[in-house]
């Protein structure tokens, strides 16, 4: 059993930043098997305190490459969490999964999450993998990152579109012509597309 009360005492007063929650998660994962870590994460996630749930999400991200159940929990349960802080950590957890799996090997999962009906799932990818062209595989294949992000240029969620536009803007720092060429193909008479384009082209 995880020492829920002790963890809650240590993290419940954290108002800014996520490092204390990540440190608690690391302690659990380092001292436990994958199954034990999963059980601890599930217990922690039942808390009403978002900081404690944040610890859970960090644990789930740390074991997701080795636990399909942890990955399913991130997508199916955590993505519906009402806390924006937890959603930020979901993005970090997804990136941890991709890093541990290998970004190229994780491509099918990346594409699957980008097609999810929940905008929090889509945004976990677009935001979690920033800065995309500094991630292994995408560093050598930035066109793949641009293609994946561009597929959400007209996403129905402005929350997702902002993340997409900002991610493409990040890439444009090193890949100006690649991003410029992509944006030139967009139909900016569509207001949703225009809003994404404005963000993506800010440095061009």
N, C-alpha and C. Protein backbone atom coordinates (compact mmCIF):
# COMPACT_ATOMS: atom_id res chain seq x y z
N UNK A 1 0.84 -1.20 0.00
CA UNK A 1 0.00 0.00 0.00
C UNK A 1 0.88 1.26 0.00
N UNK A 2 0.52 2.21 -0.84
CA UNK A 2 1.27 3.45 -0.89
C UNK A 2 0.89 4.30 0.32
N UNK A 3 1.86 5.07 0.84
CA UNK A 3 1.60 5.93 1.99
C UNK A 3 0.89 7.20 1.53
N UNK A 4 -0.39 7.06 1.20
CA UNK A 4 -1.16 8.14 0.61
C UNK A 4 -1.16 9.39 1.48
N UNK A 5 -1.40 9.22 2.79
CA UNK A 5 -1.47 10.38 3.68
C UNK A 5 -0.15 11.14 3.71
N UNK A 6 0.96 10.40 3.74
CA UNK A 6 2.27 11.05 3.79
C UNK A 6 2.54 11.81 2.50
N UNK A 7 2.22 11.19 1.37
CA UNK A 7 2.43 11.87 0.08
C UNK A 7 1.55 13.11 0.00
N UNK A 8 0.31 12.99 0.44
CA UNK A 8 -0.59 14.14 0.39
C UNK A 8 -0.06 15.29 1.24
N UNK A 9 0.48 14.99 2.41
CA UNK A 9 1.04 16.04 3.26
C UNK A 9 2.21 16.75 2.56
N UNK A 10 3.00 15.98 1.84
CA UNK A 10 4.19 16.56 1.22
C UNK A 10 3.89 17.37 -0.03
N UNK A 11 2.83 17.06 -0.73
CA UNK A 11 2.60 17.73 -2.01
C UNK A 11 1.37 18.64 -2.05
N UNK A 12 0.47 18.53 -1.09
CA UNK A 12 -0.80 19.26 -1.20
C UNK A 12 -0.65 20.77 -1.16
N UNK A 13 0.45 21.26 -0.61
CA UNK A 13 0.64 22.71 -0.55
C UNK A 13 1.41 23.26 -1.74
N UNK A 14 1.81 22.40 -2.67
CA UNK A 14 2.56 22.85 -3.84
C UNK A 14 1.63 23.65 -4.75
N UNK A 15 1.94 24.91 -4.94
CA UNK A 15 1.09 25.78 -5.75
C UNK A 15 1.64 26.00 -7.15
N UNK A 16 2.95 25.90 -7.29
CA UNK A 16 3.57 26.16 -8.59
C UNK A 16 4.62 25.09 -8.88
N UNK A 17 4.66 24.68 -10.13
CA UNK A 17 5.66 23.70 -10.53
C UNK A 17 5.24 22.28 -10.19
N UNK A 18 5.90 21.33 -10.84
CA UNK A 18 5.52 19.93 -10.70
C UNK A 18 6.63 19.05 -10.15
N UNK A 19 7.78 19.64 -9.85
CA UNK A 19 8.93 18.83 -9.45
C UNK A 19 8.68 17.98 -8.19
N UNK A 20 8.06 18.53 -7.15
CA UNK A 20 7.82 17.70 -5.96
C UNK A 20 6.97 16.47 -6.25
N UNK A 21 5.97 16.63 -7.12
CA UNK A 21 5.12 15.49 -7.48
C UNK A 21 5.91 14.47 -8.29
N UNK A 22 6.76 14.96 -9.17
CA UNK A 22 7.58 14.04 -9.96
C UNK A 22 8.58 13.29 -9.08
N UNK A 23 9.13 13.99 -8.10
CA UNK A 23 10.06 13.34 -7.18
C UNK A 23 9.37 12.22 -6.40
N UNK A 24 8.14 12.47 -5.96
CA UNK A 24 7.39 11.43 -5.24
C UNK A 24 7.13 10.23 -6.16
N UNK A 25 6.80 10.51 -7.39
CA UNK A 25 6.54 9.44 -8.36
C UNK A 25 7.81 8.62 -8.60
N UNK A 26 8.93 9.31 -8.73
CA UNK A 26 10.19 8.60 -8.97
C UNK A 26 10.53 7.65 -7.82
N UNK A 27 10.26 8.08 -6.61
CA UNK A 27 10.53 7.23 -5.45
C UNK A 27 9.70 5.95 -5.52
N UNK A 28 8.45 6.08 -5.93
CA UNK A 28 7.57 4.92 -6.02
C UNK A 28 8.07 3.96 -7.09
N UNK A 29 8.38 4.49 -8.26
CA UNK A 29 8.78 3.64 -9.39
C UNK A 29 10.12 2.97 -9.11
N UNK A 30 11.04 3.69 -8.50
CA UNK A 30 12.36 3.13 -8.23
C UNK A 30 12.31 2.01 -7.18
N UNK A 31 11.33 2.06 -6.29
CA UNK A 31 11.26 1.08 -5.21
C UNK A 31 10.26 -0.04 -5.47
N UNK A 32 9.62 -0.02 -6.64
CA UNK A 32 8.51 -0.95 -6.89
C UNK A 32 8.61 -1.63 -8.24
N UNK A 33 7.94 -2.75 -8.36
CA UNK A 33 7.79 -3.41 -9.65
C UNK A 33 6.79 -2.62 -10.48
N UNK A 34 6.66 -2.97 -11.75
CA UNK A 34 5.68 -2.30 -12.60
C UNK A 34 4.28 -2.49 -12.04
N UNK A 35 3.94 -3.70 -11.64
CA UNK A 35 2.62 -3.96 -11.11
C UNK A 35 2.38 -3.21 -9.80
N UNK A 36 3.37 -3.17 -8.96
CA UNK A 36 3.25 -2.43 -7.70
C UNK A 36 3.09 -0.93 -7.97
N UNK A 37 3.84 -0.43 -8.94
CA UNK A 37 3.73 0.99 -9.30
C UNK A 37 2.34 1.29 -9.85
N UNK A 38 1.82 0.38 -10.67
CA UNK A 38 0.48 0.57 -11.22
C UNK A 38 -0.56 0.60 -10.11
N UNK A 39 -0.45 -0.31 -9.17
CA UNK A 39 -1.39 -0.34 -8.05
C UNK A 39 -1.32 0.94 -7.23
N UNK A 40 -0.09 1.41 -6.99
CA UNK A 40 0.09 2.65 -6.25
C UNK A 40 -0.53 3.83 -7.00
N UNK A 41 -0.32 3.86 -8.32
CA UNK A 41 -0.87 4.95 -9.13
C UNK A 41 -2.39 4.95 -9.07
N UNK A 42 -2.99 3.78 -9.14
CA UNK A 42 -4.44 3.70 -9.10
C UNK A 42 -4.99 4.16 -7.75
N UNK A 43 -4.28 3.83 -6.68
CA UNK A 43 -4.70 4.29 -5.36
C UNK A 43 -4.57 5.79 -5.24
N UNK A 44 -3.45 6.33 -5.70
CA UNK A 44 -3.23 7.76 -5.64
C UNK A 44 -4.25 8.52 -6.48
N UNK A 45 -4.61 7.97 -7.61
CA UNK A 45 -5.51 8.70 -8.51
C UNK A 45 -6.91 8.86 -7.94
N UNK A 46 -7.25 8.08 -6.94
CA UNK A 46 -8.57 8.19 -6.31
C UNK A 46 -8.67 9.42 -5.40
N UNK A 47 -7.56 10.09 -5.18
CA UNK A 47 -7.54 11.26 -4.30
C UNK A 47 -8.32 12.43 -4.89
N UNK A 48 -8.91 13.23 -4.03
CA UNK A 48 -9.58 14.46 -4.46
C UNK A 48 -8.59 15.61 -4.60
N UNK A 49 -7.37 15.39 -4.15
CA UNK A 49 -6.33 16.44 -4.21
C UNK A 49 -5.58 16.32 -5.53
N UNK A 50 -5.62 17.37 -6.35
CA UNK A 50 -5.03 17.26 -7.68
C UNK A 50 -3.54 16.99 -7.64
N UNK A 51 -2.86 17.51 -6.62
CA UNK A 51 -1.41 17.27 -6.53
C UNK A 51 -1.11 15.78 -6.34
N UNK A 52 -1.97 15.09 -5.62
CA UNK A 52 -1.78 13.65 -5.41
C UNK A 52 -2.08 12.90 -6.71
N UNK A 53 -3.11 13.32 -7.42
CA UNK A 53 -3.40 12.71 -8.71
C UNK A 53 -2.25 12.96 -9.68
N UNK A 54 -1.61 14.13 -9.54
CA UNK A 54 -0.45 14.43 -10.38
C UNK A 54 0.67 13.43 -10.15
N UNK A 55 0.90 13.06 -8.91
CA UNK A 55 1.91 12.03 -8.61
C UNK A 55 1.55 10.75 -9.34
N UNK A 56 0.28 10.39 -9.29
CA UNK A 56 -0.20 9.19 -9.98
C UNK A 56 0.10 9.24 -11.46
N UNK A 57 -0.14 10.37 -12.08
CA UNK A 57 0.06 10.48 -13.53
C UNK A 57 1.54 10.39 -13.89
N UNK A 58 2.40 10.96 -13.06
CA UNK A 58 3.83 10.80 -13.30
C UNK A 58 4.23 9.32 -13.20
N UNK A 59 3.67 8.61 -12.24
CA UNK A 59 3.96 7.17 -12.12
C UNK A 59 3.48 6.44 -13.36
N UNK A 60 2.27 6.73 -13.79
CA UNK A 60 1.73 6.05 -14.98
C UNK A 60 2.58 6.32 -16.21
N UNK A 61 3.06 7.54 -16.37
CA UNK A 61 3.92 7.86 -17.50
C UNK A 61 5.23 7.11 -17.45
N UNK A 62 5.75 6.91 -16.24
CA UNK A 62 7.03 6.22 -16.07
C UNK A 62 6.96 4.75 -16.41
N UNK A 63 5.78 4.16 -16.29
CA UNK A 63 5.65 2.72 -16.54
C UNK A 63 4.85 2.40 -17.80
N UNK A 64 4.33 3.43 -18.49
CA UNK A 64 3.42 3.20 -19.61
C UNK A 64 4.03 2.38 -20.74
N UNK A 65 5.34 2.53 -20.98
CA UNK A 65 5.99 1.76 -22.05
C UNK A 65 6.07 0.29 -21.70
N UNK A 66 5.91 -0.03 -20.42
CA UNK A 66 5.98 -1.42 -19.97
C UNK A 66 4.63 -1.95 -19.50
N UNK A 67 3.65 -1.09 -19.46
CA UNK A 67 2.33 -1.47 -18.96
C UNK A 67 1.23 -0.93 -19.85
N UNK A 68 0.65 -1.75 -20.72
CA UNK A 68 -0.46 -1.29 -21.56
C UNK A 68 -1.62 -0.73 -20.73
N UNK A 69 -1.83 -1.31 -19.55
CA UNK A 69 -2.91 -0.82 -18.70
C UNK A 69 -2.65 0.61 -18.25
N UNK A 70 -1.40 0.94 -17.94
CA UNK A 70 -1.06 2.30 -17.55
C UNK A 70 -1.34 3.27 -18.70
N UNK A 71 -0.97 2.88 -19.91
CA UNK A 71 -1.21 3.74 -21.08
C UNK A 71 -2.70 3.91 -21.31
N UNK A 72 -3.46 2.84 -21.16
CA UNK A 72 -4.92 2.94 -21.32
C UNK A 72 -5.53 3.85 -20.26
N UNK A 73 -4.99 3.80 -19.05
CA UNK A 73 -5.50 4.65 -17.98
C UNK A 73 -5.24 6.11 -18.28
N UNK A 74 -4.07 6.41 -18.80
CA UNK A 74 -3.75 7.79 -19.17
C UNK A 74 -4.75 8.31 -20.20
N UNK A 75 -5.00 7.50 -21.19
CA UNK A 75 -5.88 7.94 -22.28
C UNK A 75 -7.36 7.93 -21.88
N UNK A 76 -7.76 6.89 -21.20
CA UNK A 76 -9.19 6.72 -20.95
C UNK A 76 -9.71 7.38 -19.69
N UNK A 77 -8.84 7.58 -18.70
CA UNK A 77 -9.29 8.13 -17.43
C UNK A 77 -8.67 9.49 -17.12
N UNK A 78 -7.36 9.54 -17.19
CA UNK A 78 -6.68 10.78 -16.84
C UNK A 78 -7.06 11.91 -17.78
N UNK A 79 -7.27 11.60 -19.05
CA UNK A 79 -7.62 12.64 -20.03
C UNK A 79 -8.95 13.32 -19.72
N UNK A 80 -9.74 12.74 -18.83
CA UNK A 80 -11.01 13.35 -18.44
C UNK A 80 -10.91 14.08 -17.11
N UNK A 81 -9.72 14.17 -16.55
CA UNK A 81 -9.54 14.85 -15.27
C UNK A 81 -9.85 16.33 -15.41
N UNK A 82 -10.58 16.92 -14.45
CA UNK A 82 -10.96 18.33 -14.56
C UNK A 82 -9.84 19.31 -14.26
N UNK A 83 -8.73 18.83 -13.72
CA UNK A 83 -7.64 19.73 -13.34
C UNK A 83 -6.72 20.04 -14.52
N UNK A 84 -6.51 21.33 -14.78
CA UNK A 84 -5.60 21.68 -15.89
C UNK A 84 -4.17 21.26 -15.55
N UNK A 85 -3.85 21.27 -14.25
CA UNK A 85 -2.50 20.85 -13.86
C UNK A 85 -2.27 19.38 -14.20
N UNK A 86 -3.28 18.57 -13.95
CA UNK A 86 -3.18 17.15 -14.28
C UNK A 86 -3.06 16.97 -15.79
N UNK A 87 -3.76 17.79 -16.56
CA UNK A 87 -3.66 17.70 -18.02
C UNK A 87 -2.25 18.07 -18.51
N UNK A 88 -1.62 19.02 -17.84
CA UNK A 88 -0.24 19.34 -18.20
C UNK A 88 0.68 18.15 -17.95
N UNK A 89 0.45 17.45 -16.86
CA UNK A 89 1.29 16.29 -16.55
C UNK A 89 0.95 15.11 -17.44
N UNK A 90 -0.30 15.02 -17.89
CA UNK A 90 -0.64 14.00 -18.89
C UNK A 90 0.23 14.17 -20.13
N UNK A 91 0.42 15.41 -20.56
CA UNK A 91 1.28 15.66 -21.73
C UNK A 91 2.70 15.19 -21.46
N UNK A 92 3.22 15.47 -20.27
CA UNK A 92 4.55 15.02 -19.90
C UNK A 92 4.62 13.49 -19.85
N UNK A 93 3.56 12.89 -19.34
CA UNK A 93 3.53 11.43 -19.23
C UNK A 93 3.52 10.78 -20.60
N UNK A 94 2.80 11.37 -21.54
CA UNK A 94 2.79 10.80 -22.89
C UNK A 94 4.16 10.92 -23.54
N UNK A 95 4.82 12.04 -23.35
CA UNK A 95 6.17 12.18 -23.90
C UNK A 95 7.11 11.16 -23.27
N UNK A 96 6.96 10.90 -21.98
CA UNK A 96 7.80 9.90 -21.33
C UNK A 96 7.56 8.53 -21.96
N UNK A 97 6.31 8.21 -22.23
CA UNK A 97 6.00 6.94 -22.90
C UNK A 97 6.70 6.87 -24.26
N UNK A 98 6.61 7.94 -25.04
CA UNK A 98 7.23 7.95 -26.37
C UNK A 98 8.75 7.84 -26.29
N UNK A 99 9.33 8.55 -25.34
CA UNK A 99 10.78 8.49 -25.17
C UNK A 99 11.23 7.08 -24.81
N UNK A 100 10.53 6.46 -23.85
CA UNK A 100 10.90 5.11 -23.42
C UNK A 100 10.66 4.08 -24.51
N UNK A 101 9.64 4.29 -25.31
CA UNK A 101 9.31 3.37 -26.40
C UNK A 101 10.22 3.58 -27.60
N UNK A 102 10.63 4.84 -27.80
CA UNK A 102 11.33 5.27 -29.00
C UNK A 102 10.31 5.99 -29.86
N UNK A 103 10.59 7.24 -30.23
CA UNK A 103 9.58 8.05 -30.92
C UNK A 103 9.13 7.42 -32.24
N UNK A 104 10.05 6.82 -32.97
CA UNK A 104 9.65 6.19 -34.23
C UNK A 104 8.73 5.00 -33.97
N UNK A 105 9.09 4.17 -33.02
CA UNK A 105 8.25 3.01 -32.69
C UNK A 105 6.91 3.44 -32.11
N UNK A 106 6.87 4.61 -31.50
CA UNK A 106 5.64 5.11 -30.90
C UNK A 106 4.71 5.78 -31.91
N UNK A 107 5.15 5.91 -33.16
CA UNK A 107 4.33 6.63 -34.15
C UNK A 107 2.89 6.13 -34.26
N UNK A 108 2.65 4.81 -34.30
CA UNK A 108 1.26 4.36 -34.37
C UNK A 108 0.42 4.86 -33.19
N UNK A 109 1.00 4.88 -32.00
CA UNK A 109 0.27 5.37 -30.83
C UNK A 109 0.09 6.88 -30.91
N UNK A 110 1.11 7.58 -31.37
CA UNK A 110 0.99 9.03 -31.55
C UNK A 110 -0.17 9.34 -32.49
N UNK A 111 -0.23 8.65 -33.61
CA UNK A 111 -1.30 8.90 -34.59
C UNK A 111 -2.66 8.52 -34.03
N UNK A 112 -2.70 7.44 -33.26
CA UNK A 112 -3.97 7.01 -32.66
C UNK A 112 -4.48 8.06 -31.66
N UNK A 113 -3.59 8.56 -30.83
CA UNK A 113 -4.00 9.58 -29.86
C UNK A 113 -4.40 10.88 -30.56
N UNK A 114 -3.71 11.22 -31.63
CA UNK A 114 -4.07 12.44 -32.36
C UNK A 114 -5.47 12.35 -32.98
N UNK A 115 -5.95 11.13 -33.16
CA UNK A 115 -7.28 10.94 -33.72
C UNK A 115 -8.36 10.69 -32.69
N UNK A 116 -8.01 10.81 -31.41
CA UNK A 116 -8.97 10.54 -30.35
C UNK A 116 -10.05 11.62 -30.30
N UNK A 117 -11.25 11.23 -29.87
CA UNK A 117 -12.35 12.19 -29.81
C UNK A 117 -12.21 13.18 -28.65
N UNK A 118 -11.39 12.84 -27.66
CA UNK A 118 -11.20 13.72 -26.51
C UNK A 118 -10.09 14.73 -26.82
N UNK A 119 -10.39 16.03 -26.79
CA UNK A 119 -9.35 17.02 -27.11
C UNK A 119 -8.17 16.97 -26.15
N UNK A 120 -8.40 16.53 -24.92
CA UNK A 120 -7.28 16.44 -23.98
C UNK A 120 -6.28 15.37 -24.40
N UNK A 121 -6.76 14.32 -25.05
CA UNK A 121 -5.87 13.28 -25.55
C UNK A 121 -5.05 13.83 -26.72
N UNK A 122 -5.71 14.51 -27.63
CA UNK A 122 -5.00 15.09 -28.78
C UNK A 122 -3.97 16.10 -28.31
N UNK A 123 -4.36 16.93 -27.36
CA UNK A 123 -3.46 17.98 -26.88
C UNK A 123 -2.30 17.39 -26.08
N UNK A 124 -2.50 16.24 -25.45
CA UNK A 124 -1.40 15.59 -24.72
C UNK A 124 -0.25 15.28 -25.67
N UNK A 125 -0.58 14.96 -26.92
CA UNK A 125 0.44 14.67 -27.93
C UNK A 125 1.07 15.96 -28.44
N UNK A 126 0.25 16.88 -28.89
CA UNK A 126 0.78 18.09 -29.52
C UNK A 126 1.61 18.90 -28.53
N UNK A 127 1.20 18.91 -27.27
CA UNK A 127 1.92 19.68 -26.26
C UNK A 127 3.04 18.87 -25.64
N UNK A 128 2.79 17.59 -25.42
CA UNK A 128 3.78 16.75 -24.75
C UNK A 128 5.06 16.59 -25.53
N UNK A 129 4.97 16.56 -26.86
CA UNK A 129 6.16 16.33 -27.69
C UNK A 129 6.89 17.61 -28.06
N UNK A 130 6.41 18.76 -27.58
CA UNK A 130 7.15 20.00 -27.80
C UNK A 130 8.46 19.96 -27.01
N UNK A 131 9.55 20.41 -27.56
CA UNK A 131 9.67 20.95 -28.90
C UNK A 131 9.92 19.77 -29.84
N UNK A 132 9.03 19.54 -30.80
CA UNK A 132 9.00 18.32 -31.58
C UNK A 132 10.33 18.02 -32.26
N UNK A 133 10.93 19.00 -32.88
CA UNK A 133 12.14 18.72 -33.66
C UNK A 133 13.40 18.65 -32.80
N UNK A 134 13.23 18.63 -31.50
CA UNK A 134 14.34 18.31 -30.61
C UNK A 134 14.21 16.89 -30.06
N UNK A 135 13.15 16.23 -30.40
CA UNK A 135 12.94 14.86 -29.97
C UNK A 135 13.62 13.91 -30.97
N UNK A 136 14.17 12.84 -30.42
CA UNK A 136 14.80 11.82 -31.27
C UNK A 136 13.81 11.39 -32.34
N UNK A 137 14.26 11.08 -33.51
CA UNK A 137 13.52 10.74 -34.73
C UNK A 137 12.98 12.01 -35.39
N UNK A 138 12.22 12.83 -34.69
CA UNK A 138 11.69 14.04 -35.30
C UNK A 138 12.79 15.05 -35.57
N UNK A 139 13.87 14.98 -34.84
CA UNK A 139 15.01 15.86 -35.11
C UNK A 139 15.56 15.61 -36.51
N UNK A 140 15.58 14.33 -36.90
CA UNK A 140 16.07 13.97 -38.23
C UNK A 140 14.96 13.93 -39.27
N UNK A 141 13.73 13.94 -38.83
CA UNK A 141 12.57 13.84 -39.74
C UNK A 141 11.53 14.89 -39.38
N UNK A 142 11.89 16.17 -39.43
CA UNK A 142 10.94 17.21 -39.02
C UNK A 142 9.70 17.26 -39.89
N UNK A 143 9.82 16.78 -41.13
CA UNK A 143 8.64 16.78 -42.01
C UNK A 143 7.54 15.88 -41.48
N UNK A 144 7.92 14.84 -40.77
CA UNK A 144 6.92 13.95 -40.17
C UNK A 144 6.18 14.70 -39.06
N UNK A 145 6.92 15.42 -38.24
CA UNK A 145 6.29 16.21 -37.18
C UNK A 145 5.34 17.24 -37.76
N UNK A 146 5.77 17.93 -38.81
CA UNK A 146 4.93 18.95 -39.44
C UNK A 146 3.66 18.32 -40.00
N UNK A 147 3.81 17.17 -40.64
CA UNK A 147 2.63 16.49 -41.20
C UNK A 147 1.63 16.11 -40.12
N UNK A 148 2.13 15.55 -39.03
CA UNK A 148 1.24 15.12 -37.95
C UNK A 148 0.52 16.32 -37.32
N UNK A 149 1.25 17.38 -37.07
CA UNK A 149 0.65 18.56 -36.47
C UNK A 149 -0.34 19.24 -37.42
N UNK A 150 0.04 19.30 -38.69
CA UNK A 150 -0.83 19.98 -39.67
C UNK A 150 -2.18 19.30 -39.80
N UNK A 151 -2.24 18.03 -39.48
CA UNK A 151 -3.51 17.32 -39.55
C UNK A 151 -4.55 17.84 -38.57
N UNK A 152 -4.10 18.63 -37.59
CA UNK A 152 -5.03 19.19 -36.60
C UNK A 152 -5.18 20.70 -36.74
N UNK A 153 -4.84 21.22 -37.91
CA UNK A 153 -4.89 22.67 -38.11
C UNK A 153 -6.29 23.23 -37.96
N UNK A 154 -7.32 22.40 -38.26
CA UNK A 154 -8.71 22.84 -38.14
C UNK A 154 -9.43 22.09 -37.02
N UNK A 155 -8.67 21.66 -36.03
CA UNK A 155 -9.27 20.93 -34.91
C UNK A 155 -10.44 21.72 -34.32
N UNK A 156 -11.52 21.05 -33.95
CA UNK A 156 -12.66 21.77 -33.39
C UNK A 156 -12.38 22.44 -32.05
N UNK A 157 -11.30 22.03 -31.38
CA UNK A 157 -10.95 22.62 -30.09
C UNK A 157 -9.90 23.71 -30.25
N UNK A 158 -10.21 24.92 -29.81
CA UNK A 158 -9.23 26.00 -29.87
C UNK A 158 -8.04 25.70 -28.96
N UNK A 159 -8.29 24.95 -27.91
CA UNK A 159 -7.25 24.49 -26.97
C UNK A 159 -6.19 23.67 -27.71
N UNK A 160 -6.65 22.78 -28.59
CA UNK A 160 -5.74 21.96 -29.37
C UNK A 160 -5.07 22.79 -30.46
N UNK A 161 -5.85 23.64 -31.13
CA UNK A 161 -5.28 24.44 -32.22
C UNK A 161 -4.17 25.36 -31.72
N UNK A 162 -4.33 25.93 -30.53
CA UNK A 162 -3.27 26.76 -29.97
C UNK A 162 -1.99 25.95 -29.77
N UNK A 163 -2.15 24.75 -29.28
CA UNK A 163 -0.98 23.89 -29.07
C UNK A 163 -0.32 23.55 -30.40
N UNK A 164 -1.12 23.24 -31.41
CA UNK A 164 -0.61 22.91 -32.74
C UNK A 164 0.13 24.11 -33.34
N UNK A 165 -0.49 25.28 -33.27
CA UNK A 165 0.14 26.47 -33.82
C UNK A 165 1.46 26.78 -33.13
N UNK A 166 1.48 26.67 -31.82
CA UNK A 166 2.70 26.94 -31.07
C UNK A 166 3.78 25.90 -31.36
N UNK A 167 3.36 24.65 -31.53
CA UNK A 167 4.34 23.59 -31.84
C UNK A 167 4.97 23.82 -33.21
N UNK A 168 4.17 24.21 -34.17
CA UNK A 168 4.70 24.50 -35.51
C UNK A 168 5.60 25.75 -35.47
N UNK A 169 5.21 26.72 -34.68
CA UNK A 169 6.07 27.91 -34.52
C UNK A 169 7.44 27.50 -33.96
N UNK A 170 7.43 26.60 -32.97
CA UNK A 170 8.69 26.11 -32.41
C UNK A 170 9.57 25.50 -33.51
N UNK A 171 8.96 24.66 -34.33
CA UNK A 171 9.70 23.99 -35.40
C UNK A 171 10.26 25.00 -36.40
N UNK A 172 9.50 26.08 -36.63
CA UNK A 172 9.91 27.06 -37.63
C UNK A 172 11.20 27.79 -37.25
N UNK A 173 11.62 27.71 -36.01
CA UNK A 173 12.87 28.36 -35.61
C UNK A 173 14.05 27.74 -36.36
N UNK A 174 13.97 26.43 -36.62
CA UNK A 174 15.05 25.72 -37.30
C UNK A 174 14.65 25.30 -38.71
N UNK A 175 13.37 25.23 -38.97
CA UNK A 175 12.88 24.69 -40.24
C UNK A 175 11.91 25.67 -40.90
N UNK A 176 12.38 26.89 -41.13
CA UNK A 176 11.51 27.93 -41.65
C UNK A 176 10.87 27.55 -42.97
N UNK A 177 11.67 27.07 -43.91
CA UNK A 177 11.13 26.78 -45.24
C UNK A 177 10.13 25.63 -45.20
N UNK A 178 10.40 24.65 -44.37
CA UNK A 178 9.49 23.51 -44.24
C UNK A 178 8.13 23.96 -43.72
N UNK A 179 8.13 24.77 -42.69
CA UNK A 179 6.86 25.24 -42.12
C UNK A 179 6.19 26.23 -43.07
N UNK A 180 6.98 27.10 -43.68
CA UNK A 180 6.41 28.07 -44.62
C UNK A 180 5.71 27.36 -45.79
N UNK A 181 6.34 26.32 -46.30
CA UNK A 181 5.76 25.56 -47.41
C UNK A 181 4.46 24.88 -46.99
N UNK A 182 4.42 24.37 -45.77
CA UNK A 182 3.20 23.73 -45.29
C UNK A 182 2.08 24.75 -45.14
N UNK A 183 2.38 25.88 -44.52
CA UNK A 183 1.34 26.89 -44.29
C UNK A 183 0.79 27.44 -45.61
N UNK A 184 1.61 27.46 -46.64
CA UNK A 184 1.17 27.98 -47.94
C UNK A 184 0.07 27.13 -48.55
N UNK A 185 -0.08 25.89 -48.08
CA UNK A 185 -1.11 25.00 -48.63
C UNK A 185 -2.43 25.11 -47.87
N UNK A 186 -2.46 25.88 -46.80
CA UNK A 186 -3.66 25.93 -45.95
C UNK A 186 -4.69 26.92 -46.50
N UNK A 187 -5.95 26.57 -46.33
CA UNK A 187 -7.05 27.44 -46.72
C UNK A 187 -7.40 28.33 -45.53
N UNK A 188 -6.86 29.50 -45.51
CA UNK A 188 -7.06 30.38 -44.37
C UNK A 188 -8.38 31.15 -44.42
N UNK A 189 -9.23 30.83 -45.41
CA UNK A 189 -10.59 31.39 -45.38
C UNK A 189 -11.40 30.72 -44.28
N UNK A 190 -10.93 29.55 -43.84
CA UNK A 190 -11.52 28.86 -42.70
C UNK A 190 -10.97 29.52 -41.43
N UNK A 191 -11.86 30.02 -40.58
CA UNK A 191 -11.42 30.77 -39.41
C UNK A 191 -10.57 29.93 -38.46
N UNK A 192 -10.90 28.66 -38.31
CA UNK A 192 -10.13 27.79 -37.43
C UNK A 192 -8.72 27.61 -37.96
N UNK A 193 -8.62 27.38 -39.26
CA UNK A 193 -7.30 27.22 -39.89
C UNK A 193 -6.51 28.52 -39.79
N UNK A 194 -7.18 29.63 -40.02
CA UNK A 194 -6.50 30.94 -39.97
C UNK A 194 -5.91 31.20 -38.58
N UNK A 195 -6.65 30.80 -37.54
CA UNK A 195 -6.14 31.04 -36.18
C UNK A 195 -4.90 30.20 -35.91
N UNK A 196 -4.90 28.98 -36.39
CA UNK A 196 -3.72 28.11 -36.22
C UNK A 196 -2.55 28.65 -37.03
N UNK A 197 -2.83 29.09 -38.24
CA UNK A 197 -1.80 29.62 -39.14
C UNK A 197 -1.14 30.85 -38.54
N UNK A 198 -1.93 31.72 -37.93
CA UNK A 198 -1.39 32.94 -37.34
C UNK A 198 -0.36 32.61 -36.26
N UNK A 199 -0.65 31.61 -35.47
CA UNK A 199 0.30 31.20 -34.42
C UNK A 199 1.53 30.52 -35.04
N UNK A 200 1.28 29.62 -35.98
CA UNK A 200 2.38 28.84 -36.57
C UNK A 200 3.35 29.72 -37.34
N UNK A 201 2.84 30.79 -37.95
CA UNK A 201 3.69 31.63 -38.79
C UNK A 201 4.25 32.85 -38.11
N UNK A 202 4.15 32.90 -36.82
CA UNK A 202 4.54 34.11 -36.09
C UNK A 202 6.02 34.48 -36.27
N UNK A 203 6.87 33.50 -36.51
CA UNK A 203 8.30 33.78 -36.63
C UNK A 203 8.77 33.80 -38.08
N UNK A 204 7.85 33.63 -39.01
CA UNK A 204 8.23 33.56 -40.43
C UNK A 204 8.23 34.95 -41.08
